[in-house]
Amino acid sequence: MVTSPTQRNTTLMYVLSMLIALIGMGDALYLTIKHLTGQSLKCSITNGCSVVLSSRYASFAGIPTAAFGVLAYFAVFSLATLAVFGYQWARTLLLAVVTPMLLMTLWLVYLQAFVLHAFCQYCLLSAVVTVMLTCLAYAAKFSLPAQDA
């Protein structure tokens, strides 16, 4: 099967999305475990981890906010994997997952900056990962015509 450079680039974007989603999942899982075990978390780059992670925004309905991130990153990893194998519906659904992730990320960064006045380096890593995943998902989805997928 001959593939065009565009198809190869698109596949590469989805593979890269898979790898980046694993980074996000690891970060969110680490935060979830720390939250559930009650262990303190110290930042080495920023100095606001304890403020952010002990705030009322660190959980929703008793569930750590980071746990929702684990699920979201797992969904992105899974959908990107399916997209590599040419499933058009997975490419479309990936956009439906990363878009609310980006909106939630913007909200959480806003809270850190303007409400808590503290930043958590692990949360900022998650924000960067989410922005990267969003950019890759949109770029990959719109780089191929629908009939090529």
C-alpha atoms as a PDB file:
ATOM      1  CA  MET A   1       0.000   0.000   0.000  1.00  0.00           C
ATOM      2  CA  VAL A   2       1.424   3.324  -1.091  1.00  0.00           C
ATOM      3  CA  THR A   3       0.886   6.215   1.276  1.00  0.00           C
ATOM      4  CA  SER A   4       1.279   9.863   0.483  1.00  0.00           C
ATOM      5  CA  PRO A   5       3.527  12.176   2.493  1.00  0.00           C
ATOM      6  CA  THR A   6       0.380  13.797   3.886  1.00  0.00           C
ATOM      7  CA  GLN A   7      -0.917  10.439   5.130  1.00  0.00           C
ATOM      8  CA  ARG A   8       2.451   9.652   6.733  1.00  0.00           C
ATOM      9  CA  ASN A   9       2.537  13.069   8.422  1.00  0.00           C
ATOM     10  CA  THR A  10      -1.003  12.594   9.701  1.00  0.00           C
ATOM     11  CA  THR A  11      -0.131   9.173  11.082  1.00  0.00           C
ATOM     12  CA  LEU A  12       2.944  10.670  12.731  1.00  0.00           C
ATOM     13  CA  MET A  13       0.765  13.349  14.379  1.00  0.00           C
ATOM     14  CA  TYR A  14      -1.501  10.670  15.845  1.00  0.00           C
ATOM     15  CA  VAL A  15       1.462   8.606  17.055  1.00  0.00           C
ATOM     16  CA  LEU A  16       2.916  11.727  18.652  1.00  0.00           C
ATOM     17  CA  SER A  17      -0.488  12.365  20.246  1.00  0.00           C
ATOM     18  CA  MET A  18      -0.405   8.865  21.715  1.00  0.00           C
ATOM     19  CA  LEU A  19       3.001   9.473  23.293  1.00  0.00           C
ATOM     20  CA  ILE A  20       2.080  12.908  24.622  1.00  0.00           C
ATOM     21  CA  ALA A  21      -1.178  11.521  26.053  1.00  0.00           C
ATOM     22  CA  LEU A  22       0.882   8.967  27.988  1.00  0.00           C
ATOM     23  CA  ILE A  23       2.868  11.818  29.543  1.00  0.00           C
ATOM     24  CA  GLY A  24      -0.356  13.555  30.522  1.00  0.00           C
ATOM     25  CA  MET A  25      -1.802  10.330  31.892  1.00  0.00           C
ATOM     26  CA  GLY A  26       1.305   9.708  33.986  1.00  0.00           C
ATOM     27  CA  ASP A  27       1.223  13.244  35.360  1.00  0.00           C
ATOM     28  CA  ALA A  28      -2.488  13.072  36.204  1.00  0.00           C
ATOM     29  CA  LEU A  29      -2.142   9.599  37.715  1.00  0.00           C
ATOM     30  CA  TYR A  30       0.706  10.806  39.919  1.00  0.00           C
ATOM     31  CA  LEU A  31      -1.421  13.711  41.165  1.00  0.00           C
ATOM     32  CA  THR A  32      -4.416  11.428  41.723  1.00  0.00           C
ATOM     33  CA  ILE A  33      -2.379   8.963  43.779  1.00  0.00           C
ATOM     34  CA  LYS A  34      -0.863  11.750  45.867  1.00  0.00           C
ATOM     35  CA  HIS A  35      -4.331  13.198  46.467  1.00  0.00           C
ATOM     36  CA  LEU A  36      -5.936   9.870  47.396  1.00  0.00           C
ATOM     37  CA  THR A  37      -3.110   8.851  49.737  1.00  0.00           C
ATOM     38  CA  GLY A  38      -3.019  12.268  51.388  1.00  0.00           C
ATOM     39  CA  GLN A  39       0.681  12.687  50.659  1.00  0.00           C
ATOM     40  CA  SER A  40       1.992  16.202  50.368  1.00  0.00           C
ATOM     41  CA  LEU A  41       3.443  17.317  47.091  1.00  0.00           C
ATOM     42  CA  LYS A  42       6.250  19.790  46.773  1.00  0.00           C
ATOM     43  CA  CYS A  43       7.119  21.741  43.696  1.00  0.00           C
ATOM     44  CA  SER A  44      10.714  22.069  42.573  1.00  0.00           C
ATOM     45  CA  ILE A  45      10.095  24.713  39.897  1.00  0.00           C
ATOM     46  CA  THR A  46       7.130  26.662  41.257  1.00  0.00           C
ATOM     47  CA  ASN A  47       6.169  27.174  44.871  1.00  0.00           C
ATOM     48  CA  GLY A  48       2.389  26.872  44.770  1.00  0.00           C
ATOM     49  CA  CYS A  49       1.715  23.142  44.555  1.00  0.00           C
ATOM     50  CA  SER A  50       0.425  22.838  48.097  1.00  0.00           C
ATOM     51  CA  VAL A  51      -1.873  25.846  47.645  1.00  0.00           C
ATOM     52  CA  VAL A  52      -3.310  24.569  44.361  1.00  0.00           C
ATOM     53  CA  LEU A  53      -3.608  20.925  45.352  1.00  0.00           C
ATOM     54  CA  SER A  54      -5.223  21.657  48.709  1.00  0.00           C
ATOM     55  CA  SER A  55      -7.726  24.134  47.270  1.00  0.00           C
ATOM     56  CA  ARG A  56     -11.403  23.409  46.882  1.00  0.00           C
ATOM     57  CA  TYR A  57     -10.793  23.140  43.139  1.00  0.00           C
ATOM     58  CA  ALA A  58      -8.570  20.072  43.565  1.00  0.00           C
ATOM     59  CA  SER A  59     -11.605  17.785  43.717  1.00  0.00           C
ATOM     60  CA  PHE A  60     -15.128  17.647  42.386  1.00  0.00           C
ATOM     61  CA  ALA A  61     -17.809  15.664  44.208  1.00  0.00           C
ATOM     62  CA  GLY A  62     -15.079  14.029  46.270  1.00  0.00           C
ATOM     63  CA  ILE A  63     -13.147  12.882  43.204  1.00  0.00           C
ATOM     64  CA  PRO A  64      -9.702  14.377  42.563  1.00  0.00           C
ATOM     65  CA  THR A  65      -9.754  16.688  39.551  1.00  0.00           C
ATOM     66  CA  ALA A  66      -6.646  14.892  38.317  1.00  0.00           C
ATOM     67  CA  ALA A  67      -8.596  11.604  38.150  1.00  0.00           C
ATOM     68  CA  PHE A  68     -10.776  13.140  35.453  1.00  0.00           C
ATOM     69  CA  GLY A  69      -7.531  14.003  33.677  1.00  0.00           C
ATOM     70  CA  VAL A  70      -6.412  10.369  33.821  1.00  0.00           C
ATOM     71  CA  LEU A  71      -9.647   9.323  32.118  1.00  0.00           C
ATOM     72  CA  ALA A  72      -9.408  12.092  29.534  1.00  0.00           C
ATOM     73  CA  TYR A  73      -5.794  11.300  28.659  1.00  0.00           C
ATOM     74  CA  PHE A  74      -6.637   7.592  28.414  1.00  0.00           C
ATOM     75  CA  ALA A  75      -9.474   8.463  26.008  1.00  0.00           C
ATOM     76  CA  VAL A  76      -7.100  10.589  23.912  1.00  0.00           C
ATOM     77  CA  PHE A  77      -4.500   7.804  23.848  1.00  0.00           C
ATOM     78  CA  SER A  78      -7.121   5.255  22.803  1.00  0.00           C
ATOM     79  CA  LEU A  79      -8.697   7.437  20.130  1.00  0.00           C
ATOM     80  CA  ALA A  80      -5.310   8.464  18.706  1.00  0.00           C
ATOM     81  CA  THR A  81      -4.371   4.778  18.515  1.00  0.00           C
ATOM     82  CA  LEU A  82      -7.571   4.010  16.598  1.00  0.00           C
ATOM     83  CA  ALA A  83      -6.945   7.034  14.372  1.00  0.00           C
ATOM     84  CA  VAL A  84      -3.526   5.637  13.440  1.00  0.00           C
ATOM     85  CA  PHE A  85      -5.348   2.613  12.073  1.00  0.00           C
ATOM     86  CA  GLY A  86      -7.576   4.813   9.935  1.00  0.00           C
ATOM     87  CA  TYR A  87     -10.801   4.963  11.896  1.00  0.00           C
ATOM     88  CA  GLN A  88     -12.388   8.227  10.790  1.00  0.00           C
ATOM     89  CA  TRP A  89     -14.891   8.230  13.657  1.00  0.00           C
ATOM     90  CA  ALA A  90     -11.992   8.098  16.147  1.00  0.00           C
ATOM     91  CA  ARG A  91     -10.467  11.198  14.555  1.00  0.00           C
ATOM     92  CA  THR A  92     -13.752  13.045  14.902  1.00  0.00           C
ATOM     93  CA  LEU A  93     -14.347  11.826  18.453  1.00  0.00           C
ATOM     94  CA  LEU A  94     -10.797  12.834  19.396  1.00  0.00           C
ATOM     95  CA  LEU A  95     -11.719  16.438  18.620  1.00  0.00           C
ATOM     96  CA  ALA A  96     -14.808  16.056  20.806  1.00  0.00           C
ATOM     97  CA  VAL A  97     -12.561  14.973  23.688  1.00  0.00           C
ATOM     98  CA  VAL A  98      -9.673  17.448  23.373  1.00  0.00           C
ATOM     99  CA  THR A  99     -11.898  20.494  22.956  1.00  0.00           C
ATOM    100  CA  PRO A 100     -13.522  20.276  26.423  1.00  0.00           C
ATOM    101  CA  MET A 101     -10.140  19.262  27.832  1.00  0.00           C
ATOM    102  CA  LEU A 102      -8.714  22.525  26.499  1.00  0.00           C
ATOM    103  CA  LEU A 103     -11.606  24.542  27.911  1.00  0.00           C
ATOM    104  CA  MET A 104     -11.189  22.903  31.327  1.00  0.00           C
ATOM    105  CA  THR A 105      -7.446  23.538  31.179  1.00  0.00           C
ATOM    106  CA  LEU A 106      -8.005  27.219  30.456  1.00  0.00           C
ATOM    107  CA  TRP A 107     -10.400  27.397  33.416  1.00  0.00           C
ATOM    108  CA  LEU A 108      -7.917  25.686  35.760  1.00  0.00           C
ATOM    109  CA  VAL A 109      -5.036  27.933  34.661  1.00  0.00           C
ATOM    110  CA  TYR A 110      -7.300  30.940  35.200  1.00  0.00           C
ATOM    111  CA  LEU A 111      -8.060  29.706  38.731  1.00  0.00           C
ATOM    112  CA  GLN A 112      -4.371  29.293  39.488  1.00  0.00           C
ATOM    113  CA  ALA A 113      -3.485  32.726  38.162  1.00  0.00           C
ATOM    114  CA  PHE A 114      -6.364  34.902  39.316  1.00  0.00           C
ATOM    115  CA  VAL A 115      -8.100  33.111  42.187  1.00  0.00           C
ATOM    116  CA  LEU A 116      -5.434  31.077  43.969  1.00  0.00           C
ATOM    117  CA  HIS A 117      -2.456  33.256  42.949  1.00  0.00           C
ATOM    118  CA  ALA A 118      -0.331  30.102  42.941  1.00  0.00           C
ATOM    119  CA  PHE A 119       0.883  27.712  40.279  1.00  0.00           C
ATOM    120  CA  CYS A 120       1.454  23.972  40.421  1.00  0.00           C
ATOM    121  CA  GLN A 121       4.152  22.732  38.063  1.00  0.00           C
ATOM    122  CA  TYR A 122       2.360  19.417  37.550  1.00  0.00           C
ATOM    123  CA  CYS A 123      -0.840  21.244  36.636  1.00  0.00           C
ATOM    124  CA  LEU A 124       1.067  23.479  34.237  1.00  0.00           C
ATOM    125  CA  LEU A 125       2.630  20.400  32.626  1.00  0.00           C
ATOM    126  CA  SER A 126      -0.871  19.042  32.134  1.00  0.00           C
ATOM    127  CA  ALA A 127      -1.927  22.345  30.576  1.00  0.00           C
ATOM    128  CA  VAL A 128       0.965  22.262  28.104  1.00  0.00           C
ATOM    129  CA  VAL A 129       0.204  18.631  27.251  1.00  0.00           C
ATOM    130  CA  THR A 130      -3.459  19.442  26.643  1.00  0.00           C
ATOM    131  CA  VAL A 131      -2.633  22.381  24.373  1.00  0.00           C
ATOM    132  CA  MET A 132      -0.228  20.195  22.397  1.00  0.00           C
ATOM    133  CA  LEU A 133      -2.810  17.416  22.077  1.00  0.00           C
ATOM    134  CA  THR A 134      -5.453  19.877  20.909  1.00  0.00           C
ATOM    135  CA  CYS A 135      -3.153  21.349  18.261  1.00  0.00           C
ATOM    136  CA  LEU A 136      -2.108  17.907  17.027  1.00  0.00           C
ATOM    137  CA  ALA A 137      -5.674  16.572  16.928  1.00  0.00           C
ATOM    138  CA  TYR A 138      -6.968  19.514  14.881  1.00  0.00           C
ATOM    139  CA  ALA A 139      -3.938  19.552  12.585  1.00  0.00           C
ATOM    140  CA  ALA A 140      -4.161  15.813  11.945  1.00  0.00           C
ATOM    141  CA  LYS A 141      -7.931  15.753  11.456  1.00  0.00           C
ATOM    142  CA  PHE A 142      -7.874  18.507   8.867  1.00  0.00           C
ATOM    143  CA  SER A 143      -4.709  17.432   7.058  1.00  0.00           C
ATOM    144  CA  LEU A 144      -6.434  14.585   5.225  1.00  0.00           C
ATOM    145  CA  PRO A 145      -9.608  14.604   3.184  1.00  0.00           C
ATOM    146  CA  ALA A 146     -12.340  12.465   4.798  1.00  0.00           C
ATOM    147  CA  GLN A 147     -12.229   9.874   1.990  1.00  0.00           C
ATOM    148  CA  ASP A 148      -8.495   9.205   2.602  1.00  0.00           C
ATOM    149  CA  ALA A 149      -9.053   8.211   6.214  1.00  0.00           C
END
